[in-house]
Protein backbone atom coordinates (compact mmCIF):
# COMPACT_ATOMS: atom_id res chain seq x y z
CA UNK A 1 -106.39 170.35 270.00
CA UNK A 2 -103.62 170.92 267.48
CA UNK A 3 -101.32 169.81 270.40
CA UNK A 4 -103.21 166.73 270.93
CA UNK A 5 -102.71 166.21 266.93
CA UNK A 6 -98.99 166.78 267.26
CA UNK A 7 -98.80 164.38 270.27
CA UNK A 8 -100.84 161.51 267.85
CA UNK A 9 -98.67 162.34 264.73
CA UNK A 10 -95.27 161.78 266.60
CA UNK A 11 -95.94 159.18 269.17
CA UNK A 12 -98.86 157.25 267.93
CA UNK A 13 -97.91 153.60 266.70
CA UNK A 14 -100.69 153.23 264.32
CA UNK A 15 -99.28 155.72 261.94
CA UNK A 16 -96.64 153.22 261.18
CA UNK A 17 -98.55 150.68 260.07
CA UNK A 18 -101.18 152.37 257.60
CA UNK A 19 -101.12 155.73 255.73
CA UNK A 20 -100.59 158.32 256.43
CA UNK A 21 -96.84 157.24 256.25
CA UNK A 22 -94.43 159.08 258.69
CA UNK A 23 -90.71 160.17 257.33
CA UNK A 24 -88.08 161.31 259.99
CA UNK A 25 -84.95 162.96 259.29
CA UNK A 26 -82.40 164.02 262.11
CA UNK A 27 -79.42 166.44 262.17
CA UNK A 28 -77.12 165.93 264.95
CA UNK A 29 -73.93 167.83 266.21
CA UNK A 30 -75.51 171.35 265.64
CA UNK A 31 -75.19 174.86 267.73
CA UNK A 32 -78.29 176.71 267.54
CA UNK A 33 -80.56 178.68 269.90
CA UNK A 34 -84.18 178.18 270.65
CA UNK A 35 -85.59 181.34 268.57
CA UNK A 36 -82.91 180.46 265.44
CA UNK A 37 -84.32 176.97 265.25
CA UNK A 38 -87.94 178.09 265.31
CA UNK A 39 -87.34 181.13 262.72
CA UNK A 40 -85.69 178.80 260.29
CA UNK A 41 -87.92 175.94 260.66
CA UNK A 42 -91.02 178.35 259.99
CA UNK A 43 -89.00 180.08 257.25
CA UNK A 44 -88.30 176.57 255.69
CA UNK A 45 -91.82 175.29 255.87
CA UNK A 46 -93.26 178.53 254.15
CA UNK A 47 -90.85 178.38 251.11
CA UNK A 48 -91.92 174.72 250.77
CA UNK A 49 -95.82 175.73 250.51
CA UNK A 50 -96.81 174.93 254.01
CA UNK A 51 -100.01 177.26 254.81
CA UNK A 52 -101.07 176.46 258.30
CA UNK A 53 -98.05 177.00 260.42
CA UNK A 54 -98.19 177.02 264.32
CA UNK A 55 -95.32 177.66 266.71
CA UNK A 56 -94.91 176.43 269.98
CA UNK A 57 -92.27 178.13 271.53
CA UNK A 58 -92.42 176.64 274.95
CA UNK A 59 -91.25 173.02 273.53
CA UNK A 60 -89.63 174.80 270.63
CA UNK A 61 -91.64 172.64 267.94
CA UNK A 62 -93.19 173.97 264.70
CA UNK A 63 -96.50 172.22 263.42
CA UNK A 64 -97.36 172.42 259.83
CA UNK A 65 -99.78 171.41 257.32
CA UNK A 66 -99.72 171.94 253.78
CA UNK A 67 -103.16 172.42 253.28
CA UNK A 68 -106.26 173.03 255.45
CA UNK A 69 -108.04 170.17 253.95
CA UNK A 70 -107.85 166.71 252.62
CA UNK A 71 -106.02 165.99 250.24
CA UNK A 72 -103.30 167.82 252.56
CA UNK A 73 -100.76 166.45 250.68
CA UNK A 74 -97.95 166.98 253.77
CA UNK A 75 -98.22 167.67 257.59
CA UNK A 76 -94.91 168.42 259.11
CA UNK A 77 -93.40 168.75 262.76
CA UNK A 78 -89.95 170.28 263.39
CA UNK A 79 -88.53 169.72 266.88
CA UNK A 80 -85.60 171.76 268.22
CA UNK A 81 -83.48 170.00 271.17
CA UNK A 82 -81.18 172.89 272.08
CA UNK A 83 -79.44 171.53 274.57
CA UNK A 84 -78.76 168.23 272.55
CA UNK A 85 -77.62 170.35 269.51
CA UNK A 86 -80.29 168.16 267.34
CA UNK A 87 -83.36 168.79 265.10
CA UNK A 88 -85.89 166.40 264.27
CA UNK A 89 -87.97 166.53 261.05
CA UNK A 90 -91.20 164.46 260.87
CA UNK A 91 -93.36 164.52 257.71
CA UNK A 92 -96.77 162.61 257.28
CA UNK A 93 -97.95 161.72 253.54
CA UNK A 94 -100.25 159.08 251.74
CA UNK A 95 -97.19 157.55 250.10
CA UNK A 96 -94.18 156.38 252.28
CA UNK A 97 -91.51 157.34 249.86
CA UNK A 98 -92.95 161.05 249.56
CA UNK A 99 -93.23 161.44 253.38
CA UNK A 100 -89.36 160.13 253.72
CA UNK A 101 -88.11 162.60 250.90
CA UNK A 102 -89.80 165.50 252.18
CA UNK A 103 -88.45 165.41 255.51
CA UNK A 104 -84.99 165.08 254.36
CA UNK A 105 -85.74 168.26 252.17
CA UNK A 106 -86.71 170.07 255.02
CA UNK A 107 -83.99 169.31 257.24
CA UNK A 108 -81.38 169.93 254.55
CA UNK A 109 -83.03 173.48 254.04
CA UNK A 110 -83.18 174.10 257.80
CA UNK A 111 -79.61 173.50 257.79
CA UNK A 112 -78.80 176.27 255.40
CA UNK A 113 -80.55 179.28 257.40
CA UNK A 114 -78.53 181.75 259.52
CA UNK A 115 -78.12 180.64 262.82
CA UNK A 116 -78.05 176.89 262.57
CA UNK A 117 -74.48 175.70 262.58
CA UNK A 118 -72.34 172.84 262.99
CA UNK A 119 -70.50 172.00 266.09
CA UNK A 120 -66.64 172.35 266.14
CA UNK A 121 -65.32 169.18 267.15
CA UNK A 122 -63.28 168.93 270.14
CA UNK A 123 -59.67 168.00 269.30
CA UNK A 124 -58.13 166.32 272.06
CA UNK A 125 -55.11 167.63 273.61
CA UNK A 126 -51.98 165.37 272.93
CA UNK A 127 -50.58 164.19 275.72
CA UNK A 128 -47.33 165.69 277.20
CA UNK A 129 -44.61 163.46 276.68
CA UNK A 130 -42.59 162.97 279.55
CA UNK A 131 -39.09 163.90 278.98
CA UNK A 132 -36.51 161.26 280.30
CA UNK A 133 -33.22 162.63 281.03
CA UNK A 134 -30.70 161.43 283.32
CA UNK A 135 -28.35 163.96 285.73
CA UNK A 136 -25.31 161.92 286.51
CA UNK A 137 -22.67 162.49 289.24
CA UNK A 138 -19.23 163.21 287.95
CA UNK A 139 -17.13 160.42 287.57
CA UNK A 140 -14.90 159.31 290.54
CA UNK A 141 -11.59 159.95 288.34
CA UNK A 142 -13.13 163.45 287.12
CA UNK A 143 -14.10 164.50 290.32
CA UNK A 144 -12.59 167.77 291.62
CA UNK A 145 -10.05 167.57 294.72
CA UNK A 146 -12.35 169.54 297.26
CA UNK A 147 -14.87 166.35 296.23
CA UNK A 148 -14.97 162.88 297.85
CA UNK A 149 -12.44 160.28 296.88
CA UNK A 150 -13.73 157.60 294.62
CA UNK A 151 -13.37 154.81 297.59
CA UNK A 152 -15.75 157.51 299.69
CA UNK A 153 -18.13 157.78 297.14
CA UNK A 154 -18.18 154.02 296.75
CA UNK A 155 -19.31 153.00 299.75
CA UNK A 156 -19.78 149.65 301.44
CA UNK A 157 -23.04 147.76 301.81
CA UNK A 158 -23.22 148.00 305.53
CA UNK A 159 -23.17 151.66 305.37
CA UNK A 160 -26.19 151.85 303.08
CA UNK A 161 -29.63 152.33 304.57
CA UNK A 162 -31.91 149.80 304.05
CA UNK A 163 -34.80 151.04 306.34
CA UNK A 164 -37.31 151.42 303.33
CA UNK A 165 -39.26 148.15 302.57
CA UNK A 166 -39.56 148.86 298.94
CA UNK A 167 -35.65 148.48 298.77
CA UNK A 168 -36.32 144.68 297.66
CA UNK A 169 -33.68 144.57 295.30
CA UNK A 170 -31.04 145.00 297.75
CA UNK A 171 -31.85 142.79 300.44
CA UNK A 172 -32.52 139.82 297.54
CA UNK A 173 -29.25 140.67 296.00
CA UNK A 174 -27.63 140.67 299.43
CA UNK A 175 -29.19 137.23 300.22
CA UNK A 176 -28.49 135.49 297.39
CA UNK A 177 -25.10 136.28 296.29
CA UNK A 178 -21.82 137.55 298.01
CA UNK A 179 -21.49 139.41 301.20
CA UNK A 180 -19.06 141.65 299.91
CA UNK A 181 -20.78 144.61 297.96
CA UNK A 182 -19.39 147.86 296.40
CA UNK A 183 -22.20 150.22 296.29
CA UNK A 184 -22.92 153.79 294.29
CA UNK A 185 -25.84 155.98 293.29
CA UNK A 186 -26.83 158.86 290.82
CA UNK A 187 -29.58 160.93 290.29
CA UNK A 188 -32.69 160.75 287.65
CA UNK A 189 -35.51 162.33 286.57
CA UNK A 190 -36.14 159.34 284.06
CA UNK A 191 -39.55 157.79 283.77
CA UNK A 192 -39.51 154.24 285.29
CA UNK A 193 -39.71 152.55 282.16
CA UNK A 194 -36.70 154.43 280.57
CA UNK A 195 -34.77 153.78 283.77
CA UNK A 196 -34.91 150.24 283.48
CA UNK A 197 -34.45 150.06 279.75
CA UNK A 198 -31.13 152.02 280.06
CA UNK A 199 -30.63 149.56 283.38
CA UNK A 200 -30.77 146.48 281.25
CA UNK A 201 -28.66 148.02 278.56
CA UNK A 202 -26.08 149.07 280.99
CA UNK A 203 -25.92 145.58 282.75
CA UNK A 204 -25.33 143.42 279.51
CA UNK A 205 -23.17 146.23 277.71
CA UNK A 206 -20.74 145.82 281.45
CA UNK A 207 -20.81 141.90 280.62
CA UNK A 208 -23.37 141.04 283.27
CA UNK A 209 -25.57 138.80 280.93
CA UNK A 210 -25.66 135.49 282.63
CA UNK A 211 -28.24 134.60 285.11
CA UNK A 212 -30.13 137.58 283.99
CA UNK A 213 -33.19 138.37 285.94
CA UNK A 214 -35.27 141.82 287.00
CA UNK A 215 -38.30 142.71 289.27
CA UNK A 216 -40.47 146.11 289.32
CA UNK A 217 -37.88 148.24 290.43
CA UNK A 218 -34.38 146.75 289.24
CA UNK A 219 -32.56 144.37 286.91
CA UNK A 220 -29.45 142.06 287.93
CA UNK A 221 -26.95 139.78 286.55
CA UNK A 222 -24.02 137.89 286.32
CA UNK A 223 -20.60 137.98 284.78
CA UNK A 224 -18.21 135.33 283.35
CA UNK A 225 -16.08 135.74 286.56
CA UNK A 226 -18.73 135.30 288.89
CA UNK A 227 -19.18 138.95 290.04
CA UNK A 228 -22.97 140.05 290.60
CA UNK A 229 -24.38 143.45 289.49
CA UNK A 230 -27.68 145.14 289.95
CA UNK A 231 -29.13 148.44 289.02
CA UNK A 232 -32.09 149.58 290.95
CA UNK A 233 -34.35 152.50 289.95
CA UNK A 234 -36.18 154.28 292.94
CA UNK A 235 -38.16 156.83 290.91
CA UNK A 236 -40.03 158.10 293.59
CA UNK A 237 -36.65 159.20 295.16
CA UNK A 238 -35.03 160.17 291.73
CA UNK A 239 -32.18 157.97 292.48
CA UNK A 240 -30.56 155.05 290.47
CA UNK A 241 -28.48 152.62 292.60
CA UNK A 242 -25.77 150.70 291.33
CA UNK A 243 -24.29 147.64 293.17
CA UNK A 244 -21.46 145.19 292.39
CA UNK A 245 -20.72 141.92 294.59
CA UNK A 246 -17.58 139.78 294.34
CA UNK A 247 -14.42 138.53 295.99
CA UNK A 248 -11.98 141.44 295.17
CA UNK A 249 -12.54 145.29 295.90
CA UNK A 250 -10.62 146.81 293.25
CA UNK A 251 -12.44 144.71 290.67
CA UNK A 252 -15.95 145.69 292.12
CA UNK A 253 -14.59 149.16 291.85
CA UNK A 254 -14.02 149.21 288.15
CA UNK A 255 -17.29 147.31 287.27
CA UNK A 256 -19.13 149.76 289.22
CA UNK A 257 -17.76 152.92 287.25
CA UNK A 258 -18.11 150.69 284.09
CA UNK A 259 -21.98 150.60 285.23
CA UNK A 260 -21.88 153.91 285.77
CA UNK A 261 -20.51 154.90 282.16
CA UNK A 262 -22.78 152.32 280.30
CA UNK A 263 -25.92 153.83 281.72
């Protein structure tokens, strides 16, 4: 019988229209178990003067009446939602304000009991910042005698493999400008954004600021003497490729070395 009364008390829409009025107070983000919540609710209701207190452990609910006979002053239902960390207090009274105040007071008292705590907020982990470092090959002038000479390190374009279809910068650069190329490369662990940023700075600081353009993998431009240069970041292979095109081989080599140093 009392379960039916409990159902009508909580779910009947008529109780909102005429007395008795309902007051509802909800506490969220809590940590508790079923026993601690039911025990706290019974203790608080008893201290608040409720006499007829019934516990329904299976549905984690406590029902109480202030008096067994009218005028009952208050009736109350405490629902413990363990998995959600929520406690719902619903009270019924003849006066709307009294119902609301009583629900708030019972909720507040329950939160003071042992076994009812606030959940600790999860602090999001700070994303790891990718370290952008550059590992360069030794400059041709500083290379040891055992290493390849500068002329061997700066290979002609015809010796450079164009087998990978993603190498768009090389193909476009070859078709658009001079056929005479000097090309070199360095290894990198830079992320794509940092690599392209350094490539742009190197290009401009080396005098290639005319006809400046870029694509997804590289940047390219022309200097005042009609020499063209491009810097391509091939991140999936950890490589940076430098290319300079123009008429004179020695000038191309010097410009390429400048791009290395400015990068």
